[in-house]
Amino acid sequence: MASIQLTVNHLYQLQGNEKKPAHAVARVYVGDTLLATEEITGMTEDAVSKYLHHSLPEGQAVRVEWDCAGVTAISAAEVHMCPCCHAEE
């Protein structure tokens, strides 16, 4: 089973000089296939990751597109995980 690591590097809204929680919608693609749509709400300045598992062929281009009214950076990358313990290899 193939896996993708979806990482939110930071997410927030600026209101004046103050950072507030924000909302983003991320769309993750494997090749031209939309794999998942993830809604992300909250605030972080530290990277937070989630793993998405799929049965599409491995080695295809992985990309993420997002919409957010605040400030965000989101990335997605294919990762190889151990089939028995699911640790990254």
N, C-alpha and C. Protein backbone atom coordinates (compact mmCIF):
# COMPACT_ATOMS: atom_id res chain seq x y z
N MET A 1 0.85 -1.17 0.00
CA MET A 1 0.00 0.00 0.00
C MET A 1 0.90 1.24 0.00
N ALA A 2 0.61 2.16 -0.86
CA ALA A 2 1.38 3.40 -0.97
C ALA A 2 0.88 4.41 0.07
N SER A 3 1.77 5.31 0.48
CA SER A 3 1.42 6.31 1.49
C SER A 3 1.94 7.68 1.08
N ILE A 4 1.20 8.69 1.50
CA ILE A 4 1.58 10.08 1.26
C ILE A 4 1.60 10.79 2.60
N GLN A 5 2.66 11.57 2.82
CA GLN A 5 2.74 12.39 4.02
C GLN A 5 2.27 13.79 3.66
N LEU A 6 1.15 14.20 4.24
CA LEU A 6 0.60 15.54 4.05
C LEU A 6 1.06 16.37 5.25
N THR A 7 1.77 17.46 4.99
CA THR A 7 2.33 18.27 6.08
C THR A 7 1.83 19.71 6.00
N VAL A 8 1.27 20.18 7.10
CA VAL A 8 0.91 21.59 7.24
C VAL A 8 2.08 22.24 7.96
N ASN A 9 2.83 23.07 7.25
CA ASN A 9 4.02 23.70 7.82
C ASN A 9 3.67 24.86 8.75
N HIS A 10 2.65 25.61 8.40
CA HIS A 10 2.10 26.64 9.26
C HIS A 10 0.71 26.99 8.77
N LEU A 11 -0.13 27.45 9.69
CA LEU A 11 -1.50 27.82 9.37
C LEU A 11 -1.98 28.82 10.41
N TYR A 12 -2.37 30.01 9.94
CA TYR A 12 -2.93 31.02 10.84
C TYR A 12 -3.50 32.17 10.01
N GLN A 13 -4.28 33.02 10.68
CA GLN A 13 -4.79 34.26 10.09
C GLN A 13 -4.20 35.40 10.89
N LEU A 14 -3.89 36.47 10.22
CA LEU A 14 -3.43 37.67 10.91
C LEU A 14 -4.59 38.64 11.09
N GLN A 15 -4.79 39.06 12.33
CA GLN A 15 -5.77 40.09 12.64
C GLN A 15 -5.02 41.18 13.39
N GLY A 16 -4.66 42.21 12.66
CA GLY A 16 -3.77 43.22 13.22
C GLY A 16 -2.40 42.59 13.36
N ASN A 17 -1.83 42.62 14.53
CA ASN A 17 -0.54 41.98 14.80
C ASN A 17 -0.70 40.64 15.49
N GLU A 18 -1.93 40.16 15.59
CA GLU A 18 -2.21 38.92 16.33
C GLU A 18 -2.51 37.76 15.37
N LYS A 19 -1.99 36.59 15.70
CA LYS A 19 -2.26 35.38 14.92
C LYS A 19 -3.46 34.66 15.51
N LYS A 20 -4.37 34.27 14.62
CA LYS A 20 -5.61 33.58 15.02
C LYS A 20 -5.74 32.28 14.23
N PRO A 21 -6.59 31.34 14.71
CA PRO A 21 -6.82 30.11 13.96
C PRO A 21 -7.38 30.40 12.56
N ALA A 22 -7.06 29.53 11.62
CA ALA A 22 -7.50 29.68 10.23
C ALA A 22 -8.10 28.36 9.75
N HIS A 23 -8.65 28.40 8.55
CA HIS A 23 -9.26 27.23 7.92
C HIS A 23 -8.68 27.09 6.51
N ALA A 24 -8.29 25.88 6.16
CA ALA A 24 -7.77 25.60 4.82
C ALA A 24 -8.40 24.32 4.30
N VAL A 25 -8.54 24.25 2.99
CA VAL A 25 -8.99 23.03 2.32
C VAL A 25 -7.87 22.61 1.38
N ALA A 26 -7.32 21.41 1.61
CA ALA A 26 -6.22 20.88 0.80
C ALA A 26 -6.74 19.74 -0.06
N ARG A 27 -6.32 19.74 -1.32
CA ARG A 27 -6.65 18.66 -2.26
C ARG A 27 -5.35 17.98 -2.64
N VAL A 28 -5.28 16.67 -2.40
CA VAL A 28 -4.06 15.90 -2.64
C VAL A 28 -4.27 15.05 -3.89
N TYR A 29 -3.33 15.16 -4.83
CA TYR A 29 -3.40 14.43 -6.10
C TYR A 29 -2.24 13.46 -6.22
N VAL A 30 -2.53 12.29 -6.77
CA VAL A 30 -1.51 11.32 -7.17
C VAL A 30 -1.65 11.22 -8.68
N GLY A 31 -0.64 11.66 -9.42
CA GLY A 31 -0.80 11.79 -10.87
C GLY A 31 -1.91 12.80 -11.11
N ASP A 32 -2.88 12.46 -11.94
CA ASP A 32 -4.02 13.33 -12.20
C ASP A 32 -5.24 12.98 -11.37
N THR A 33 -5.11 12.00 -10.46
CA THR A 33 -6.23 11.51 -9.67
C THR A 33 -6.31 12.24 -8.33
N LEU A 34 -7.48 12.81 -8.04
CA LEU A 34 -7.70 13.43 -6.74
C LEU A 34 -7.81 12.32 -5.71
N LEU A 35 -6.86 12.26 -4.80
CA LEU A 35 -6.83 11.21 -3.79
C LEU A 35 -7.69 11.58 -2.58
N ALA A 36 -7.58 12.82 -2.11
CA ALA A 36 -8.29 13.21 -0.90
C ALA A 36 -8.48 14.71 -0.85
N THR A 37 -9.54 15.11 -0.16
CA THR A 37 -9.78 16.51 0.17
C THR A 37 -9.79 16.58 1.69
N GLU A 38 -8.90 17.37 2.25
CA GLU A 38 -8.75 17.47 3.70
C GLU A 38 -9.09 18.89 4.15
N GLU A 39 -9.96 19.00 5.16
CA GLU A 39 -10.25 20.30 5.77
C GLU A 39 -9.40 20.42 7.02
N ILE A 40 -8.70 21.54 7.12
CA ILE A 40 -7.76 21.76 8.22
C ILE A 40 -8.16 23.06 8.91
N THR A 41 -8.39 22.98 10.20
CA THR A 41 -8.78 24.15 10.97
C THR A 41 -7.90 24.24 12.21
N GLY A 42 -7.46 25.43 12.51
CA GLY A 42 -6.66 25.63 13.71
C GLY A 42 -5.55 26.61 13.46
N MET A 43 -4.52 26.51 14.29
CA MET A 43 -3.38 27.39 14.16
C MET A 43 -2.13 26.61 14.53
N THR A 44 -1.10 26.70 13.70
CA THR A 44 0.18 26.09 14.02
C THR A 44 1.29 26.85 13.33
N GLU A 45 2.41 26.96 14.01
CA GLU A 45 3.63 27.50 13.42
C GLU A 45 4.68 26.41 13.30
N ASP A 46 4.32 25.21 13.78
CA ASP A 46 5.20 24.04 13.69
C ASP A 46 4.57 23.03 12.74
N ALA A 47 5.39 22.30 12.02
CA ALA A 47 4.89 21.33 11.05
C ALA A 47 4.11 20.22 11.73
N VAL A 48 2.95 19.90 11.14
CA VAL A 48 2.08 18.82 11.61
C VAL A 48 1.79 17.94 10.40
N SER A 49 1.96 16.61 10.55
CA SER A 49 1.79 15.71 9.41
C SER A 49 0.68 14.70 9.64
N LYS A 50 0.15 14.24 8.53
CA LYS A 50 -0.86 13.19 8.51
C LYS A 50 -0.49 12.27 7.37
N TYR A 51 -0.74 10.98 7.53
CA TYR A 51 -0.43 10.02 6.47
C TYR A 51 -1.71 9.57 5.79
N LEU A 52 -1.70 9.59 4.47
CA LEU A 52 -2.82 9.12 3.66
C LEU A 52 -2.36 7.86 2.94
N HIS A 53 -3.13 6.79 3.02
CA HIS A 53 -2.78 5.54 2.37
C HIS A 53 -3.69 5.33 1.17
N HIS A 54 -3.14 4.75 0.11
CA HIS A 54 -3.93 4.55 -1.10
C HIS A 54 -3.42 3.33 -1.86
N SER A 55 -4.21 2.90 -2.83
CA SER A 55 -3.84 1.72 -3.63
C SER A 55 -3.49 2.07 -5.07
N LEU A 56 -3.29 3.35 -5.36
CA LEU A 56 -2.87 3.77 -6.70
C LEU A 56 -1.42 3.35 -6.92
N PRO A 57 -0.97 3.23 -8.16
CA PRO A 57 0.44 2.86 -8.41
C PRO A 57 1.41 3.86 -7.77
N GLU A 58 2.49 3.32 -7.19
CA GLU A 58 3.51 4.16 -6.59
C GLU A 58 4.36 4.82 -7.67
N GLY A 59 5.09 5.86 -7.29
CA GLY A 59 6.02 6.51 -8.19
C GLY A 59 5.43 7.60 -9.06
N GLN A 60 4.13 7.87 -8.91
CA GLN A 60 3.51 8.95 -9.68
C GLN A 60 3.78 10.29 -8.99
N ALA A 61 3.65 11.35 -9.73
CA ALA A 61 3.82 12.68 -9.16
C ALA A 61 2.74 12.92 -8.10
N VAL A 62 3.15 13.49 -6.97
CA VAL A 62 2.23 13.83 -5.88
C VAL A 62 2.24 15.34 -5.74
N ARG A 63 1.05 15.93 -5.63
CA ARG A 63 0.99 17.37 -5.43
C ARG A 63 -0.20 17.71 -4.53
N VAL A 64 -0.14 18.88 -3.95
CA VAL A 64 -1.22 19.38 -3.12
C VAL A 64 -1.56 20.79 -3.56
N GLU A 65 -2.84 21.08 -3.61
CA GLU A 65 -3.34 22.42 -3.88
C GLU A 65 -4.22 22.80 -2.70
N TRP A 66 -4.26 24.09 -2.34
CA TRP A 66 -5.07 24.47 -1.21
C TRP A 66 -5.69 25.83 -1.39
N ASP A 67 -6.77 26.04 -0.62
CA ASP A 67 -7.45 27.32 -0.51
C ASP A 67 -7.43 27.69 0.96
N CYS A 68 -7.07 28.93 1.25
CA CYS A 68 -7.00 29.37 2.63
C CYS A 68 -7.11 30.89 2.67
N ALA A 69 -7.94 31.40 3.57
CA ALA A 69 -8.07 32.85 3.73
C ALA A 69 -6.93 33.41 4.58
N GLY A 70 -6.19 32.55 5.24
CA GLY A 70 -5.09 32.98 6.09
C GLY A 70 -3.74 32.73 5.44
N VAL A 71 -2.76 32.47 6.27
CA VAL A 71 -1.38 32.21 5.84
C VAL A 71 -1.11 30.73 6.07
N THR A 72 -0.69 30.03 5.01
CA THR A 72 -0.40 28.61 5.17
C THR A 72 0.63 28.15 4.16
N ALA A 73 1.27 27.06 4.48
CA ALA A 73 2.14 26.33 3.55
C ALA A 73 1.89 24.86 3.82
N ILE A 74 1.54 24.14 2.77
CA ILE A 74 1.20 22.72 2.88
C ILE A 74 2.00 21.97 1.83
N SER A 75 2.53 20.81 2.20
CA SER A 75 3.27 19.99 1.24
C SER A 75 2.78 18.55 1.30
N ALA A 76 3.05 17.80 0.23
CA ALA A 76 2.70 16.38 0.18
C ALA A 76 3.82 15.65 -0.53
N ALA A 77 4.16 14.48 -0.02
CA ALA A 77 5.23 13.68 -0.62
C ALA A 77 4.94 12.20 -0.40
N GLU A 78 5.31 11.39 -1.40
CA GLU A 78 5.18 9.95 -1.26
C GLU A 78 6.22 9.47 -0.25
N VAL A 79 5.82 8.59 0.64
CA VAL A 79 6.74 8.00 1.61
C VAL A 79 6.59 6.49 1.56
N HIS A 80 7.63 5.79 1.94
CA HIS A 80 7.60 4.33 1.98
C HIS A 80 7.53 3.92 3.44
N MET A 81 6.53 3.10 3.74
CA MET A 81 6.31 2.67 5.10
C MET A 81 6.43 1.15 5.22
N CYS A 82 6.89 0.71 6.36
CA CYS A 82 7.00 -0.72 6.65
C CYS A 82 5.59 -1.32 6.68
N PRO A 83 5.32 -2.40 5.96
CA PRO A 83 3.99 -2.97 5.92
C PRO A 83 3.53 -3.57 7.27
N CYS A 84 4.48 -3.93 8.13
CA CYS A 84 4.05 -4.55 9.39
C CYS A 84 3.85 -3.54 10.52
N CYS A 85 4.74 -2.55 10.65
CA CYS A 85 4.62 -1.62 11.78
C CYS A 85 4.25 -0.20 11.34
N HIS A 86 4.22 0.03 10.05
CA HIS A 86 3.85 1.33 9.46
C HIS A 86 4.81 2.46 9.81
N ALA A 87 6.04 2.12 10.18
CA ALA A 87 7.07 3.14 10.40
C ALA A 87 7.65 3.53 9.05
N GLU A 88 8.06 4.79 8.93
CA GLU A 88 8.70 5.23 7.68
C GLU A 88 10.00 4.49 7.47
N GLU A 89 10.21 4.06 6.23
CA GLU A 89 11.46 3.37 5.89
C GLU A 89 12.45 4.34 5.33
